[in-house]
Amino acid sequence: MATTTLEDEGKQELEQIEIWRCKQPDCKAWTRKEFVTETLPDCPLCKNPMVRSYKHVPVVHKKSKKKG
C-alpha cells in the first residue's frame, strides 16, 4: 500500500486502501474491502450494486497498552 504526506493538511499521512463504493453517483456509501464477505456486494444504504475502487484515508497508529 502506498502512503502519502499532505503538507497543506498539517503533514497528515495517508494510505491507499481498496474499497467497495456504491455505483449510484448520488449515494456516498463505501466500505473497506476486508469488511465485505460477498463476491459482488449491494450497497447497504440504497441496495444498488457496488464497484471496487480505491480511497486515501488517514493512517491510524495503534497505541500499545503498557502492562504494569
C-alpha atoms as a PDB file:
ATOM      1  CA  MET A   1       0.000   0.000   0.000  1.00  0.00           C
ATOM      2  CA  ALA A   2       1.200   3.475  -0.799  1.00  0.00           C
ATOM      3  CA  THR A   3       1.406   6.224   1.778  1.00  0.00           C
ATOM      4  CA  THR A   4       1.319   9.945   1.053  1.00  0.00           C
ATOM      5  CA  THR A   5       2.025  13.026   3.129  1.00  0.00           C
ATOM      6  CA  LEU A   6      -0.061  16.165   2.556  1.00  0.00           C
ATOM      7  CA  GLU A   7       1.786  19.313   3.582  1.00  0.00           C
ATOM      8  CA  ASP A   8      -1.256  21.588   3.305  1.00  0.00           C
ATOM      9  CA  GLU A   9      -3.165  19.485   5.880  1.00  0.00           C
ATOM     10  CA  GLY A  10      -0.605  19.586   8.649  1.00  0.00           C
ATOM     11  CA  LYS A  11       1.513  16.773   7.167  1.00  0.00           C
ATOM     12  CA  GLN A  12      -1.233  14.204   7.615  1.00  0.00           C
ATOM     13  CA  GLU A  13      -0.058  10.769   6.497  1.00  0.00           C
ATOM     14  CA  LEU A  14      -2.463   8.961   4.141  1.00  0.00           C
ATOM     15  CA  GLU A  15      -2.645   5.390   2.919  1.00  0.00           C
ATOM     16  CA  GLN A  16      -4.419   3.994  -0.138  1.00  0.00           C
ATOM     17  CA  ILE A  17      -6.910   1.218   0.635  1.00  0.00           C
ATOM     18  CA  GLU A  18      -9.167  -0.973  -1.515  1.00  0.00           C
ATOM     19  CA  ILE A  19     -12.862  -0.275  -1.060  1.00  0.00           C
ATOM     20  CA  TRP A  20     -16.277  -1.099  -2.426  1.00  0.00           C
ATOM     21  CA  ARG A  21     -18.254   2.049  -3.333  1.00  0.00           C
ATOM     22  CA  CYS A  22     -21.840   2.471  -4.454  1.00  0.00           C
ATOM     23  CA  LYS A  23     -22.381   2.796  -8.227  1.00  0.00           C
ATOM     24  CA  GLN A  24     -25.079   5.437  -7.753  1.00  0.00           C
ATOM     25  CA  PRO A  25     -23.459   8.899  -8.115  1.00  0.00           C
ATOM     26  CA  ASP A  26     -25.753  10.472  -5.516  1.00  0.00           C
ATOM     27  CA  CYS A  27     -25.035   7.768  -2.890  1.00  0.00           C
ATOM     28  CA  LYS A  28     -21.819   8.276  -0.910  1.00  0.00           C
ATOM     29  CA  ALA A  29     -21.672   4.818   0.714  1.00  0.00           C
ATOM     30  CA  TRP A  30     -18.387   2.888   0.744  1.00  0.00           C
ATOM     31  CA  THR A  31     -16.742   0.192   2.856  1.00  0.00           C
ATOM     32  CA  ARG A  32     -13.278  -1.293   3.208  1.00  0.00           C
ATOM     33  CA  LYS A  33     -12.696  -4.411   1.102  1.00  0.00           C
ATOM     34  CA  GLU A  34     -11.714  -6.505   4.141  1.00  0.00           C
ATOM     35  CA  PHE A  35     -15.146  -5.924   5.736  1.00  0.00           C
ATOM     36  CA  VAL A  36     -17.107  -7.328   2.745  1.00  0.00           C
ATOM     37  CA  THR A  37     -17.893 -11.037   2.603  1.00  0.00           C
ATOM     38  CA  GLU A  38     -19.912 -11.173  -0.638  1.00  0.00           C
ATOM     39  CA  THR A  39     -18.305 -11.510  -4.086  1.00  0.00           C
ATOM     40  CA  LEU A  40     -20.447  -8.695  -5.527  1.00  0.00           C
ATOM     41  CA  PRO A  41     -21.987  -6.724  -2.635  1.00  0.00           C
ATOM     42  CA  ASP A  42     -25.027  -4.460  -2.733  1.00  0.00           C
ATOM     43  CA  CYS A  43     -24.988  -1.022  -1.153  1.00  0.00           C
ATOM     44  CA  PRO A  44     -26.137  -1.218   2.481  1.00  0.00           C
ATOM     45  CA  LEU A  45     -27.920   2.138   2.128  1.00  0.00           C
ATOM     46  CA  CYS A  46     -29.661   2.136  -1.267  1.00  0.00           C
ATOM     47  CA  LYS A  47     -29.338  -1.573  -2.268  1.00  0.00           C
ATOM     48  CA  ASN A  48     -27.751  -0.754  -5.674  1.00  0.00           C
ATOM     49  CA  PRO A  49     -24.640  -2.629  -6.896  1.00  0.00           C
ATOM     50  CA  MET A  50     -21.207  -1.649  -5.621  1.00  0.00           C
ATOM     51  CA  VAL A  51     -17.902  -1.454  -7.528  1.00  0.00           C
ATOM     52  CA  ARG A  52     -14.301  -1.915  -6.419  1.00  0.00           C
ATOM     53  CA  SER A  53     -12.277   1.243  -6.052  1.00  0.00           C
ATOM     54  CA  TYR A  54      -9.522   2.898  -4.007  1.00  0.00           C
ATOM     55  CA  LYS A  55      -9.576   5.616  -1.377  1.00  0.00           C
ATOM     56  CA  HIS A  56      -6.934   7.576   0.525  1.00  0.00           C
ATOM     57  CA  VAL A  57      -7.594   7.586   4.271  1.00  0.00           C
ATOM     58  CA  PRO A  58      -5.570   8.892   7.231  1.00  0.00           C
ATOM     59  CA  VAL A  59      -3.117   6.398   8.701  1.00  0.00           C
ATOM     60  CA  VAL A  60      -4.187   5.225  12.154  1.00  0.00           C
ATOM     61  CA  HIS A  61      -1.373   4.389  14.531  1.00  0.00           C
ATOM     62  CA  LYS A  62      -2.349   1.840  17.176  1.00  0.00           C
ATOM     63  CA  LYS A  63      -1.480   2.775  20.726  1.00  0.00           C
ATOM     64  CA  SER A  64       0.032  -0.032  22.757  1.00  0.00           C
ATOM     65  CA  LYS A  65      -1.109  -0.524  26.332  1.00  0.00           C
ATOM     66  CA  LYS A  66       1.654  -0.674  28.871  1.00  0.00           C
ATOM     67  CA  LYS A  67       1.373  -3.543  31.333  1.00  0.00           C
ATOM     68  CA  GLY A  68       2.277  -2.526  34.783  1.00  0.00           C
END
